Amino acid sequence: MANKQTRRNFLLTAPIAAAVASPLADTMLRASTAGSAMGQVSDGSKVQVFTAAEMAGELKSVQANNGTKNLLTSPGTLMIINEETRKAAKEFEWHATRDHVFQVLDGETKYELGGTPKGTHETKPGEWLAPESEGARTVILKKGDYLFVPRMTPHKRTTEGSVSLLLISSQTPA
C-alpha cells in the first residue's frame, strides 16, 4: 500500500525534518550521546528541561499580557514564547546566520516566505529587510503547526486575530 502524504503525516514528520535540517541537529545529537547509558549528562552541561506544565503556565502568562517571554537565551540559541493580536510586519526579514523553527501554540497566523526581495536594505551585518518579495508564497499556520525557516529565506508574518507562537532560533557564526 502506498504511503499517502496527508496533513497529519506532514505535521508528524515536519518537526523531525526541521531538526535534521537545522544547525541545532548536530548540537542535539552531541547532547543526546554525551551521557552515560543511564541517560545522565556529563558534568558542566547546560541541559534544560521544559515540562508541559511549565510551558502551559508560561503560555497562560504570555497570553494574559499579550507579550513575549524569553525562555532560553544562550550563545547561538534563543527560545521565546510570543503572543500577538492584529499585528503585521511591515517588511520581509532574513538572516545570514540564523534559522527559525516556529510552532503555533494557539490561534492562527499567516507567513509569506521566499521570493526575490525588492528594495533591500541591510540593518546590520547579516540582517536584511525589504518591503516586498516577488514570488513569495503564503502559508496559513494553525494551532499545532510547525514552520522551519532556513537562513537567507525572506519571511514576514501577519496576524489578523491572535496567535501564540514558540520560536526557537539557532545561530551559527558567519
Protein backbone atom coordinates (compact mmCIF):
# COMPACT_ATOMS: atom_id res chain seq x y z
CA MET A 1 0.00 0.00 0.00
CA ALA A 2 1.43 3.40 -0.97
CA ASN A 3 2.34 5.83 1.80
CA LYS A 4 -0.07 8.71 1.13
CA GLN A 5 1.06 12.22 2.16
CA THR A 6 -1.54 13.80 4.40
CA ARG A 7 -1.54 16.94 6.52
CA ARG A 8 -1.39 14.73 9.62
CA ASN A 9 1.65 12.86 8.29
CA PHE A 10 3.30 16.17 7.42
CA LEU A 11 2.66 17.59 10.89
CA LEU A 12 4.08 14.45 12.48
CA THR A 13 7.25 14.50 10.36
CA ALA A 14 7.86 18.25 9.90
CA PRO A 15 9.47 18.77 13.34
CA ILE A 16 11.85 15.90 12.64
CA ALA A 17 12.72 17.27 9.21
CA ALA A 18 13.24 20.74 10.67
CA ALA A 19 15.51 19.36 13.37
CA VAL A 20 17.58 17.40 10.86
CA ALA A 21 17.94 20.42 8.56
CA SER A 22 18.83 22.76 11.39
CA PRO A 23 22.32 23.54 12.72
CA LEU A 24 20.81 22.59 16.09
CA ALA A 25 20.69 18.96 14.94
CA ASP A 26 24.41 18.44 15.47
CA THR A 27 24.22 20.07 18.91
CA MET A 28 21.21 17.94 19.89
CA LEU A 29 22.90 14.78 18.64
CA ARG A 30 26.04 15.51 20.68
CA ALA A 31 23.91 16.28 23.75
CA SER A 32 21.96 13.05 23.39
CA THR A 33 25.09 10.90 23.04
CA ALA A 34 27.20 12.67 25.67
CA GLY A 35 25.57 11.00 28.67
CA SER A 36 26.01 7.56 30.14
CA ALA A 37 23.80 4.59 29.42
CA MET A 38 21.57 5.74 32.28
CA GLY A 39 20.70 8.93 30.36
CA GLN A 40 22.80 11.15 32.57
CA VAL A 41 24.50 14.14 31.05
CA SER A 42 28.19 14.81 31.54
CA ASP A 43 29.18 17.35 34.20
CA GLY A 44 29.14 21.00 33.17
CA SER A 45 26.34 20.67 30.64
CA LYS A 46 23.59 23.25 30.47
CA VAL A 47 20.73 20.90 29.71
CA GLN A 48 17.33 22.41 30.46
CA VAL A 49 14.01 20.62 30.61
CA PHE A 50 10.79 22.50 29.92
CA THR A 51 7.92 20.39 31.27
CA ALA A 52 4.48 20.52 29.71
CA ALA A 53 3.12 22.06 32.92
CA GLU A 54 5.79 24.80 32.90
CA MET A 55 5.16 25.55 29.23
CA ALA A 56 1.39 25.73 29.83
CA GLY A 57 1.98 28.19 32.69
CA GLU A 58 4.32 30.34 30.57
CA LEU A 59 1.78 30.33 27.72
CA LYS A 60 -1.04 31.48 30.04
CA SER A 61 1.16 34.26 31.40
CA VAL A 62 2.16 35.48 27.94
CA GLN A 63 -1.42 35.32 26.66
CA ALA A 64 -2.70 37.30 29.66
CA ASN A 65 -0.16 40.06 28.98
CA ASN A 66 -0.21 39.86 25.16
CA GLY A 67 3.56 39.82 25.32
CA THR A 68 6.79 37.92 24.89
CA LYS A 69 8.84 35.75 27.25
CA ASN A 70 12.41 34.60 26.68
CA LEU A 71 12.57 31.00 27.88
CA LEU A 72 16.16 30.34 26.86
CA THR A 73 18.95 32.66 25.84
CA SER A 74 22.30 31.00 25.31
CA PRO A 75 25.11 31.57 22.83
CA GLY A 76 23.68 30.67 19.45
CA THR A 77 20.19 29.66 20.63
CA LEU A 78 17.09 31.59 21.56
CA MET A 79 13.71 30.17 22.65
CA ILE A 80 10.76 32.55 23.00
CA ILE A 81 7.01 32.34 23.57
CA ASN A 82 5.17 35.21 21.90
CA GLU A 83 1.51 36.27 21.90
CA GLU A 84 0.28 38.85 19.42
CA THR A 85 -3.05 40.24 18.26
CA ARG A 86 -3.72 42.04 14.98
CA LYS A 87 -0.07 42.58 14.09
CA ALA A 88 1.61 42.73 10.71
CA ALA A 89 5.28 43.03 9.85
CA LYS A 90 5.92 45.96 7.53
CA GLU A 91 8.81 44.27 5.76
CA PHE A 92 10.27 40.88 4.96
CA GLU A 93 13.30 39.94 7.03
CA TRP A 94 16.05 37.39 6.54
CA HIS A 95 19.29 36.45 8.21
CA ALA A 96 22.69 35.13 7.08
CA THR A 97 23.38 33.03 10.17
CA ARG A 98 20.01 32.25 11.82
CA ASP A 99 17.44 29.51 11.27
CA HIS A 100 13.98 29.64 12.87
CA VAL A 101 11.52 26.96 13.94
CA PHE A 102 8.05 28.23 14.80
CA GLN A 103 5.30 26.22 16.49
CA VAL A 104 1.80 27.66 16.72
CA LEU A 105 0.63 27.01 20.28
CA ASP A 106 -2.76 28.68 19.85
CA GLY A 107 -4.56 30.74 17.21
CA GLU A 108 -3.62 31.35 13.59
CA THR A 109 -1.16 33.44 11.58
CA LYS A 110 -0.03 33.94 8.00
CA TYR A 111 3.56 33.76 6.75
CA GLU A 112 4.85 34.98 3.44
CA LEU A 113 8.02 33.06 2.58
CA GLY A 114 10.79 33.16 0.00
CA GLY A 115 10.73 35.00 -3.28
CA THR A 116 13.08 37.70 -4.52
CA PRO A 117 13.31 40.70 -2.18
CA LYS A 118 12.86 44.16 -3.71
CA GLY A 119 14.12 47.37 -2.10
CA THR A 120 16.54 45.56 0.20
CA HIS A 121 18.39 47.36 2.98
CA GLU A 122 20.86 45.88 5.46
CA THR A 123 20.02 46.69 9.08
CA LYS A 124 23.26 45.25 10.48
CA PRO A 125 25.81 42.76 9.17
CA GLY A 126 23.98 39.63 8.02
CA GLU A 127 20.46 41.04 8.63
CA TRP A 128 18.23 42.48 5.89
CA LEU A 129 14.76 43.94 5.39
CA ALA A 130 12.75 44.56 2.22
CA PRO A 131 9.22 45.97 1.75
CA GLU A 132 8.32 43.24 -0.77
CA SER A 133 9.49 39.87 -2.02
CA GLU A 134 8.39 39.00 -5.54
CA GLY A 135 7.12 35.44 -5.83
CA ALA A 136 6.80 34.80 -2.08
CA ARG A 137 4.41 32.02 -1.18
CA THR A 138 1.83 32.28 1.58
CA VAL A 139 1.10 29.68 4.24
CA ILE A 140 -1.52 29.81 6.98
CA LEU A 141 -0.39 28.23 10.24
CA LYS A 142 -2.86 27.00 12.85
CA LYS A 143 -2.55 25.51 16.33
CA GLY A 144 -0.11 22.60 16.29
CA ASP A 145 1.57 23.56 13.01
CA TYR A 146 5.35 23.95 12.74
CA LEU A 147 7.32 26.08 10.30
CA PHE A 148 11.05 25.80 9.62
CA VAL A 149 12.57 28.95 8.05
CA PRO A 150 16.18 28.34 6.99
CA ARG A 151 18.72 31.16 6.95
CA MET A 152 18.59 33.51 3.95
CA THR A 153 14.84 32.90 3.48
CA PRO A 154 12.80 36.12 3.39
CA HIS A 155 9.81 35.84 5.75
CA LYS A 156 7.04 38.08 7.01
CA ARG A 157 4.19 37.37 9.46
CA THR A 158 0.69 38.83 9.52
CA THR A 159 -1.76 38.02 12.31
CA GLU A 160 -5.34 39.19 11.79
CA GLY A 161 -6.73 37.66 15.01
CA SER A 162 -4.39 36.39 17.70
CA VAL A 163 -1.63 33.80 17.81
CA SER A 164 0.68 32.29 20.40
CA LEU A 165 3.99 31.09 18.99
CA LEU A 166 7.02 29.23 20.22
CA LEU A 167 10.16 30.38 18.37
CA ILE A 168 13.43 28.51 18.50
CA SER A 169 16.19 30.36 16.70
CA SER A 170 19.65 28.93 16.19
CA GLN A 171 22.62 30.97 15.07
CA THR A 172 25.97 29.87 13.75
CA PRO A 173 28.99 32.04 13.05
CA ALA A 174 29.12 33.55 9.56
